[in-house]
Amino acid sequence: YAKGKLGKLDYRIAVSDPMAFQRAAGYSPSP
């Protein structure tokens, strides 16, 4: 992530690696 303040503008930007859906409680293996 990147964060900061440019004057009165507060910002946050992130790139994330989603966790495997297969480990979720509501996992469904097929569409």
PDB file of all heavy atoms in Angstrom:
ATOM      1  N   TYR A   1       0.827  -1.207   0.000  1.00  0.00           N
ATOM      2  CA  TYR A   1       0.000   0.000   0.000  1.00  0.00           C
ATOM      3  C   TYR A   1       0.857   1.251   0.000  1.00  0.00           C
ATOM      4  O   TYR A   1       2.028   1.242   0.396  1.00  0.00           O
ATOM      5  CB  TYR A   1      -0.941   0.013   1.206  1.00  0.00           C
ATOM      6  CG  TYR A   1      -0.246   0.070   2.551  1.00  0.00           C
ATOM      7  CD1 TYR A   1       0.093   1.294   3.143  1.00  0.00           C
ATOM      8  CD2 TYR A   1       0.072  -1.086   3.249  1.00  0.00           C
ATOM      9  CE1 TYR A   1       0.726   1.346   4.377  1.00  0.00           C
ATOM     10  CE2 TYR A   1       0.696  -1.045   4.477  1.00  0.00           C
ATOM     11  CZ  TYR A   1       1.024   0.178   5.032  1.00  0.00           C
ATOM     12  OH  TYR A   1       1.661   0.237   6.250  1.00  0.00           O
ATOM     13  N   ALA A   2       0.242   2.328  -0.465  1.00  0.00           N
ATOM     14  CA  ALA A   2       0.814   3.676  -0.381  1.00  0.00           C
ATOM     15  C   ALA A   2      -0.217   4.560   0.289  1.00  0.00           C
ATOM     16  O   ALA A   2      -1.419   4.440   0.034  1.00  0.00           O
ATOM     17  CB  ALA A   2       1.153   4.206  -1.772  1.00  0.00           C
ATOM     18  N   LYS A   3       0.239   5.453   1.160  1.00  0.00           N
ATOM     19  CA  LYS A   3      -0.677   6.346   1.865  1.00  0.00           C
ATOM     20  C   LYS A   3       0.005   7.689   2.064  1.00  0.00           C
ATOM     21  O   LYS A   3       1.229   7.807   1.973  1.00  0.00           O
ATOM     22  CB  LYS A   3      -1.058   5.767   3.222  1.00  0.00           C
ATOM     23  CG  LYS A   3       0.119   5.711   4.186  1.00  0.00           C
ATOM     24  CD  LYS A   3      -0.305   5.566   5.626  1.00  0.00           C
ATOM     25  CE  LYS A   3       0.879   5.788   6.559  1.00  0.00           C
ATOM     26  NZ  LYS A   3       0.564   5.636   7.972  1.00  0.00           N
ATOM     27  N   GLY A   4      -0.799   8.710   2.370  1.00  0.00           N
ATOM     28  CA  GLY A   4      -0.212  10.009   2.665  1.00  0.00           C
ATOM     29  C   GLY A   4      -1.254  11.107   2.643  1.00  0.00           C
ATOM     30  O   GLY A   4      -2.450  10.870   2.450  1.00  0.00           O
ATOM     31  N   LYS A   5      -0.772  12.320   2.838  1.00  0.00           N
ATOM     32  CA  LYS A   5      -1.611  13.515   2.795  1.00  0.00           C
ATOM     33  C   LYS A   5      -0.967  14.533   1.875  1.00  0.00           C
ATOM     34  O   LYS A   5       0.203  14.887   2.036  1.00  0.00           O
ATOM     35  CB  LYS A   5      -1.773  14.113   4.190  1.00  0.00           C
ATOM     36  CG  LYS A   5      -2.652  13.296   5.136  1.00  0.00           C
ATOM     37  CD  LYS A   5      -2.768  13.971   6.491  1.00  0.00           C
ATOM     38  CE  LYS A   5      -3.656  13.197   7.442  1.00  0.00           C
ATOM     39  NZ  LYS A   5      -5.076  13.271   7.047  1.00  0.00           N
ATOM     40  N   LEU A   6      -1.753  15.001   0.899  1.00  0.00           N
ATOM     41  CA  LEU A   6      -1.323  16.062  -0.012  1.00  0.00           C
ATOM     42  C   LEU A   6      -2.181  17.276   0.301  1.00  0.00           C
ATOM     43  O   LEU A   6      -3.297  17.408  -0.198  1.00  0.00           O
ATOM     44  CB  LEU A   6      -1.480  15.622  -1.466  1.00  0.00           C
ATOM     45  CG  LEU A   6      -0.736  14.329  -1.854  1.00  0.00           C
ATOM     46  CD1 LEU A   6      -1.065  13.931  -3.282  1.00  0.00           C
ATOM     47  CD2 LEU A   6       0.769  14.488  -1.663  1.00  0.00           C
ATOM     48  N   GLY A   7      -1.680  18.132   1.186  1.00  0.00           N
ATOM     49  CA  GLY A   7      -2.513  19.199   1.707  1.00  0.00           C
ATOM     50  C   GLY A   7      -3.620  18.603   2.550  1.00  0.00           C
ATOM     51  O   GLY A   7      -3.372  17.859   3.491  1.00  0.00           O
ATOM     52  N   LYS A   8      -4.868  18.884   2.180  1.00  0.00           N
ATOM     53  CA  LYS A   8      -6.014  18.336   2.907  1.00  0.00           C
ATOM     54  C   LYS A   8      -6.578  17.063   2.270  1.00  0.00           C
ATOM     55  O   LYS A   8      -7.580  16.531   2.740  1.00  0.00           O
ATOM     56  CB  LYS A   8      -7.112  19.389   3.012  1.00  0.00           C
ATOM     57  CG  LYS A   8      -6.723  20.578   3.893  1.00  0.00           C
ATOM     58  CD  LYS A   8      -7.899  21.507   4.135  1.00  0.00           C
ATOM     59  CE  LYS A   8      -7.516  22.607   5.116  1.00  0.00           C
ATOM     60  NZ  LYS A   8      -8.669  23.497   5.433  1.00  0.00           N
ATOM     61  N   LEU A   9      -5.926  16.597   1.214  1.00  0.00           N
ATOM     62  CA  LEU A   9      -6.344  15.362   0.570  1.00  0.00           C
ATOM     63  C   LEU A   9      -5.626  14.184   1.206  1.00  0.00           C
ATOM     64  O   LEU A   9      -4.398  14.078   1.146  1.00  0.00           O
ATOM     65  CB  LEU A   9      -6.047  15.402  -0.933  1.00  0.00           C
ATOM     66  CG  LEU A   9      -6.410  14.128  -1.707  1.00  0.00           C
ATOM     67  CD1 LEU A   9      -7.921  13.918  -1.717  1.00  0.00           C
ATOM     68  CD2 LEU A   9      -5.860  14.175  -3.125  1.00  0.00           C
ATOM     69  N   ASP A  10      -6.389  13.294   1.813  1.00  0.00           N
ATOM     70  CA  ASP A  10      -5.864  12.085   2.425  1.00  0.00           C
ATOM     71  C   ASP A  10      -6.125  10.924   1.458  1.00  0.00           C
ATOM     72  O   ASP A  10      -7.253  10.756   0.980  1.00  0.00           O
ATOM     73  CB  ASP A  10      -6.566  11.842   3.767  1.00  0.00           C
ATOM     74  CG  ASP A  10      -6.062  10.605   4.489  1.00  0.00           C
ATOM     75  OD1 ASP A  10      -6.392   9.487   4.062  1.00  0.00           O
ATOM     76  OD2 ASP A  10      -5.350  10.769   5.486  1.00  0.00           O
ATOM     77  N   TYR A  11      -5.101  10.119   1.178  1.00  0.00           N
ATOM     78  CA  TYR A  11      -5.277   9.058   0.194  1.00  0.00           C
ATOM     79  C   TYR A  11      -4.674   7.751   0.691  1.00  0.00           C
ATOM     80  O   TYR A  11      -3.765   7.722   1.523  1.00  0.00           O
ATOM     81  CB  TYR A  11      -4.640   9.433  -1.148  1.00  0.00           C
ATOM     82  CG  TYR A  11      -3.127   9.415  -1.145  1.00  0.00           C
ATOM     83  CD1 TYR A  11      -2.435   8.262  -1.510  1.00  0.00           C
ATOM     84  CD2 TYR A  11      -2.385  10.539  -0.783  1.00  0.00           C
ATOM     85  CE1 TYR A  11      -1.048   8.222  -1.517  1.00  0.00           C
ATOM     86  CE2 TYR A  11      -1.000  10.515  -0.772  1.00  0.00           C
ATOM     87  CZ  TYR A  11      -0.335   9.360  -1.140  1.00  0.00           C
ATOM     88  OH  TYR A  11       1.042   9.312  -1.129  1.00  0.00           O
ATOM     89  N   ARG A  12      -5.210   6.654   0.154  1.00  0.00           N
ATOM     90  CA  ARG A  12      -4.659   5.317   0.356  1.00  0.00           C
ATOM     91  C   ARG A  12      -4.888   4.516  -0.914  1.00  0.00           C
ATOM     92  O   ARG A  12      -5.982   4.531  -1.500  1.00  0.00           O
ATOM     93  CB  ARG A  12      -5.296   4.622   1.568  1.00  0.00           C
ATOM     94  CG  ARG A  12      -6.803   4.473   1.473  1.00  0.00           C
ATOM     95  CD  ARG A  12      -7.378   3.774   2.692  1.00  0.00           C
ATOM     96  NE  ARG A  12      -7.296   4.590   3.900  1.00  0.00           N
ATOM     97  CZ  ARG A  12      -7.578   4.141   5.125  1.00  0.00           C
ATOM     98  NH1 ARG A  12      -7.961   2.895   5.289  1.00  0.00           N
ATOM     99  NH2 ARG A  12      -7.490   4.934   6.161  1.00  0.00           N
ATOM    100  N   ILE A  13      -3.856   3.821  -1.366  1.00  0.00           N
ATOM    101  CA  ILE A  13      -3.915   2.985  -2.568  1.00  0.00           C
ATOM    102  C   ILE A  13      -3.281   1.644  -2.221  1.00  0.00           C
ATOM    103  O   ILE A  13      -2.237   1.611  -1.552  1.00  0.00           O
ATOM    104  CB  ILE A  13      -3.167   3.635  -3.746  1.00  0.00           C
ATOM    105  CG1 ILE A  13      -3.755   5.012  -4.079  1.00  0.00           C
ATOM    106  CG2 ILE A  13      -3.218   2.740  -4.979  1.00  0.00           C
ATOM    107  CD1 ILE A  13      -2.909   5.793  -5.052  1.00  0.00           C
ATOM    108  N   ALA A  14      -3.890   0.551  -2.639  1.00  0.00           N
ATOM    109  CA  ALA A  14      -3.363  -0.772  -2.282  1.00  0.00           C
ATOM    110  C   ALA A  14      -3.537  -1.746  -3.428  1.00  0.00           C
ATOM    111  O   ALA A  14      -4.501  -1.673  -4.185  1.00  0.00           O
ATOM    112  CB  ALA A  14      -4.062  -1.310  -1.037  1.00  0.00           C
ATOM    113  N   VAL A  15      -2.586  -2.668  -3.530  1.00  0.00           N
ATOM    114  CA  VAL A  15      -2.713  -3.833  -4.404  1.00  0.00           C
ATOM    115  C   VAL A  15      -2.578  -5.055  -3.509  1.00  0.00           C
ATOM    116  O   VAL A  15      -1.630  -5.169  -2.729  1.00  0.00           O
ATOM    117  CB  VAL A  15      -1.677  -3.828  -5.544  1.00  0.00           C
ATOM    118  CG1 VAL A  15      -0.251  -3.705  -5.018  1.00  0.00           C
ATOM    119  CG2 VAL A  15      -1.820  -5.076  -6.403  1.00  0.00           C
ATOM    120  N   SER A  16      -3.558  -5.953  -3.583  1.00  0.00           N
ATOM    121  CA  SER A  16      -3.644  -7.069  -2.646  1.00  0.00           C
ATOM    122  C   SER A  16      -3.658  -8.402  -3.369  1.00  0.00           C
ATOM    123  O   SER A  16      -4.048  -8.493  -4.537  1.00  0.00           O
ATOM    124  CB  SER A  16      -4.913  -6.951  -1.793  1.00  0.00           C
ATOM    125  OG  SER A  16      -4.979  -5.702  -1.146  1.00  0.00           O
ATOM    126  N   ASP A  17      -3.232  -9.417  -2.654  1.00  0.00           N
ATOM    127  CA  ASP A  17      -3.226 -10.786  -3.150  1.00  0.00           C
ATOM    128  C   ASP A  17      -4.387 -11.522  -2.482  1.00  0.00           C
ATOM    129  O   ASP A  17      -4.290 -11.892  -1.307  1.00  0.00           O
ATOM    130  CB  ASP A  17      -1.898 -11.453  -2.785  1.00  0.00           C
ATOM    131  CG  ASP A  17      -1.622 -12.695  -3.590  1.00  0.00           C
ATOM    132  OD1 ASP A  17      -2.429 -13.008  -4.491  1.00  0.00           O
ATOM    133  OD2 ASP A  17      -0.616 -13.372  -3.327  1.00  0.00           O
ATOM    134  N   PRO A  18      -5.505 -11.709  -3.174  1.00  0.00           N
ATOM    135  CA  PRO A  18      -6.671 -12.328  -2.535  1.00  0.00           C
ATOM    136  C   PRO A  18      -6.359 -13.728  -2.001  1.00  0.00           C
ATOM    137  O   PRO A  18      -5.640 -14.506  -2.632  1.00  0.00           O
ATOM    138  CB  PRO A  18      -7.708 -12.391  -3.656  1.00  0.00           C
ATOM    139  CG  PRO A  18      -7.287 -11.349  -4.633  1.00  0.00           C
ATOM    140  CD  PRO A  18      -5.790 -11.338  -4.567  1.00  0.00           C
ATOM    141  N   MET A  19      -6.919 -14.039  -0.841  1.00  0.00           N
ATOM    142  CA  MET A  19      -6.746 -15.369  -0.273  1.00  0.00           C
ATOM    143  C   MET A  19      -7.631 -16.366  -1.009  1.00  0.00           C
ATOM    144  O   MET A  19      -8.653 -16.014  -1.581  1.00  0.00           O
ATOM    145  CB  MET A  19      -7.073 -15.336   1.222  1.00  0.00           C
ATOM    146  CG  MET A  19      -6.119 -14.459   2.005  1.00  0.00           C
ATOM    147  SD  MET A  19      -6.447 -14.470   3.778  1.00  0.00           S
ATOM    148  CE  MET A  19      -5.147 -13.347   4.335  1.00  0.00           C
ATOM    149  N   ALA A  20      -7.223 -17.620  -0.974  1.00  0.00           N
ATOM    150  CA  ALA A  20      -7.896 -18.673  -1.752  1.00  0.00           C
ATOM    151  C   ALA A  20      -9.343 -18.842  -1.305  1.00  0.00           C
ATOM    152  O   ALA A  20      -9.616 -19.051  -0.111  1.00  0.00           O
ATOM    153  CB  ALA A  20      -7.146 -19.986  -1.612  1.00  0.00           C
ATOM    154  N   PHE A  21     -10.256 -18.747  -2.243  1.00  0.00           N
ATOM    155  CA  PHE A  21     -11.676 -18.955  -1.950  1.00  0.00           C
ATOM    156  C   PHE A  21     -11.927 -20.366  -1.416  1.00  0.00           C
ATOM    157  O   PHE A  21     -12.871 -20.609  -0.662  1.00  0.00           O
ATOM    158  CB  PHE A  21     -12.484 -18.685  -3.226  1.00  0.00           C
ATOM    159  CG  PHE A  21     -13.971 -18.876  -3.066  1.00  0.00           C
ATOM    160  CD1 PHE A  21     -14.647 -18.367  -1.962  1.00  0.00           C
ATOM    161  CD2 PHE A  21     -14.703 -19.562  -4.028  1.00  0.00           C
ATOM    162  CE1 PHE A  21     -16.020 -18.542  -1.817  1.00  0.00           C
ATOM    163  CE2 PHE A  21     -16.072 -19.740  -3.892  1.00  0.00           C
ATOM    164  CZ  PHE A  21     -16.723 -19.233  -2.780  1.00  0.00           C
ATOM    165  N   GLN A  22     -11.064 -21.299  -1.799  1.00  0.00           N
ATOM    166  CA  GLN A  22     -11.234 -22.683  -1.353  1.00  0.00           C
ATOM    167  C   GLN A  22     -11.172 -22.824   0.168  1.00  0.00           C
ATOM    168  O   GLN A  22     -11.636 -23.825   0.718  1.00  0.00           O
ATOM    169  CB  GLN A  22     -10.146 -23.583  -1.984  1.00  0.00           C
ATOM    170  CG  GLN A  22     -10.349 -23.842  -3.467  1.00  0.00           C
ATOM    171  CD  GLN A  22      -9.793 -22.743  -4.354  1.00  0.00           C
ATOM    172  OE1 GLN A  22      -9.504 -21.641  -3.896  1.00  0.00           O
ATOM    173  NE2 GLN A  22      -9.646 -23.033  -5.639  1.00  0.00           N
ATOM    174  N   ARG A  23     -10.606 -21.832   0.862  1.00  0.00           N
ATOM    175  CA  ARG A  23     -10.499 -21.888   2.315  1.00  0.00           C
ATOM    176  C   ARG A  23     -11.646 -21.172   3.014  1.00  0.00           C
ATOM    177  O   ARG A  23     -11.699 -21.131   4.247  1.00  0.00           O
ATOM    178  CB  ARG A  23      -9.177 -21.268   2.766  1.00  0.00           C
ATOM    179  CG  ARG A  23      -7.946 -21.860   2.105  1.00  0.00           C
ATOM    180  CD  ARG A  23      -7.672 -23.263   2.591  1.00  0.00           C
ATOM    181  NE  ARG A  23      -7.256 -23.283   3.996  1.00  0.00           N
ATOM    182  CZ  ARG A  23      -6.946 -24.382   4.661  1.00  0.00           C
ATOM    183  NH1 ARG A  23      -7.023 -25.553   4.063  1.00  0.00           N
ATOM    184  NH2 ARG A  23      -6.573 -24.324   5.934  1.00  0.00           N
ATOM    185  N   ALA A  24     -12.576 -20.613   2.264  1.00  0.00           N
ATOM    186  CA  ALA A  24     -13.694 -19.874   2.849  1.00  0.00           C
ATOM    187  C   ALA A  24     -14.801 -20.814   3.279  1.00  0.00           C
ATOM    188  O   ALA A  24     -14.985 -21.901   2.703  1.00  0.00           O
ATOM    189  CB  ALA A  24     -14.230 -18.849   1.844  1.00  0.00           C
ATOM    190  N   ALA A  25     -15.590 -20.377   4.268  1.00  0.00           N
ATOM    191  CA  ALA A  25     -16.678 -21.205   4.791  1.00  0.00           C
ATOM    192  C   ALA A  25     -17.742 -21.477   3.729  1.00  0.00           C
ATOM    193  O   ALA A  25     -18.344 -22.553   3.700  1.00  0.00           O
ATOM    194  CB  ALA A  25     -17.301 -20.538   6.014  1.00  0.00           C
ATOM    195  N   GLY A  26     -18.001 -20.520   2.847  1.00  0.00           N
ATOM    196  CA  GLY A  26     -19.036 -20.692   1.835  1.00  0.00           C
ATOM    197  C   GLY A  26     -18.525 -21.168   0.500  1.00  0.00           C
ATOM    198  O   GLY A  26     -19.147 -20.918  -0.544  1.00  0.00           O
ATOM    199  N   TYR A  27     -17.393 -21.881   0.493  1.00  0.00           N
ATOM    200  CA  TYR A  27     -16.776 -22.306  -0.759  1.00  0.00           C
ATOM    201  C   TYR A  27     -17.683 -23.224  -1.571  1.00  0.00           C
ATOM    202  O   TYR A  27     -18.281 -24.164  -1.048  1.00  0.00           O
ATOM    203  CB  TYR A  27     -15.459 -23.014  -0.471  1.00  0.00           C
ATOM    204  CG  TYR A  27     -14.858 -23.705  -1.672  1.00  0.00           C
ATOM    205  CD1 TYR A  27     -14.467 -22.972  -2.783  1.00  0.00           C
ATOM    206  CD2 TYR A  27     -14.692 -25.085  -1.699  1.00  0.00           C
ATOM    207  CE1 TYR A  27     -13.921 -23.588  -3.896  1.00  0.00           C
ATOM    208  CE2 TYR A  27     -14.135 -25.723  -2.798  1.00  0.00           C
ATOM    209  CZ  TYR A  27     -13.762 -24.965  -3.897  1.00  0.00           C
ATOM    210  OH  TYR A  27     -13.212 -25.581  -4.995  1.00  0.00           O
ATOM    211  N   SER A  28     -17.774 -22.924  -2.863  1.00  0.00           N
ATOM    212  CA  SER A  28     -18.482 -23.773  -3.819  1.00  0.00           C
ATOM    213  C   SER A  28     -17.517 -24.072  -4.961  1.00  0.00           C
ATOM    214  O   SER A  28     -16.976 -23.145  -5.581  1.00  0.00           O
ATOM    215  CB  SER A  28     -19.728 -23.056  -4.351  1.00  0.00           C
ATOM    216  OG  SER A  28     -20.366 -23.833  -5.335  1.00  0.00           O
ATOM    217  N   PRO A  29     -17.253 -25.362  -5.267  1.00  0.00           N
ATOM    218  CA  PRO A  29     -16.192 -25.698  -6.215  1.00  0.00           C
ATOM    219  C   PRO A  29     -16.520 -25.455  -7.676  1.00  0.00           C
ATOM    220  O   PRO A  29     -15.628 -25.437  -8.518  1.00  0.00           O
ATOM    221  CB  PRO A  29     -15.975 -27.196  -5.964  1.00  0.00           C
ATOM    222  CG  PRO A  29     -17.290 -27.682  -5.455  1.00  0.00           C
ATOM    223  CD  PRO A  29     -17.874 -26.553  -4.667  1.00  0.00           C
ATOM    224  N   SER A  30     -17.794 -25.283  -8.001  1.00  0.00           N
ATOM    225  CA  SER A  30     -18.165 -25.157  -9.417  1.00  0.00           C
ATOM    226  C   SER A  30     -19.131 -23.993  -9.595  1.00  0.00           C
ATOM    227  O   SER A  30     -19.876 -23.637  -8.675  1.00  0.00           O
ATOM    228  CB  SER A  30     -18.797 -26.457  -9.923  1.00  0.00           C
ATOM    229  OG  SER A  30     -19.914 -26.807  -9.126  1.00  0.00           O
ATOM    230  N   PRO A  31     -19.148 -23.381 -10.779  1.00  0.00           N
ATOM    231  CA  PRO A  31     -20.042 -22.252 -11.022  1.00  0.00           C
ATOM    232  C   PRO A  31     -21.504 -22.680 -11.065  1.00  0.00           C
ATOM    233  O   PRO A  31     -21.827 -23.812 -11.433  1.00  0.00           O
ATOM    234  CB  PRO A  31     -19.583 -21.715 -12.372  1.00  0.00           C
ATOM    235  CG  PRO A  31     -18.906 -22.870 -13.039  1.00  0.00           C
ATOM    236  CD  PRO A  31     -18.293 -23.679 -11.936  1.00  0.00           C
TER     237      PRO A  31
END
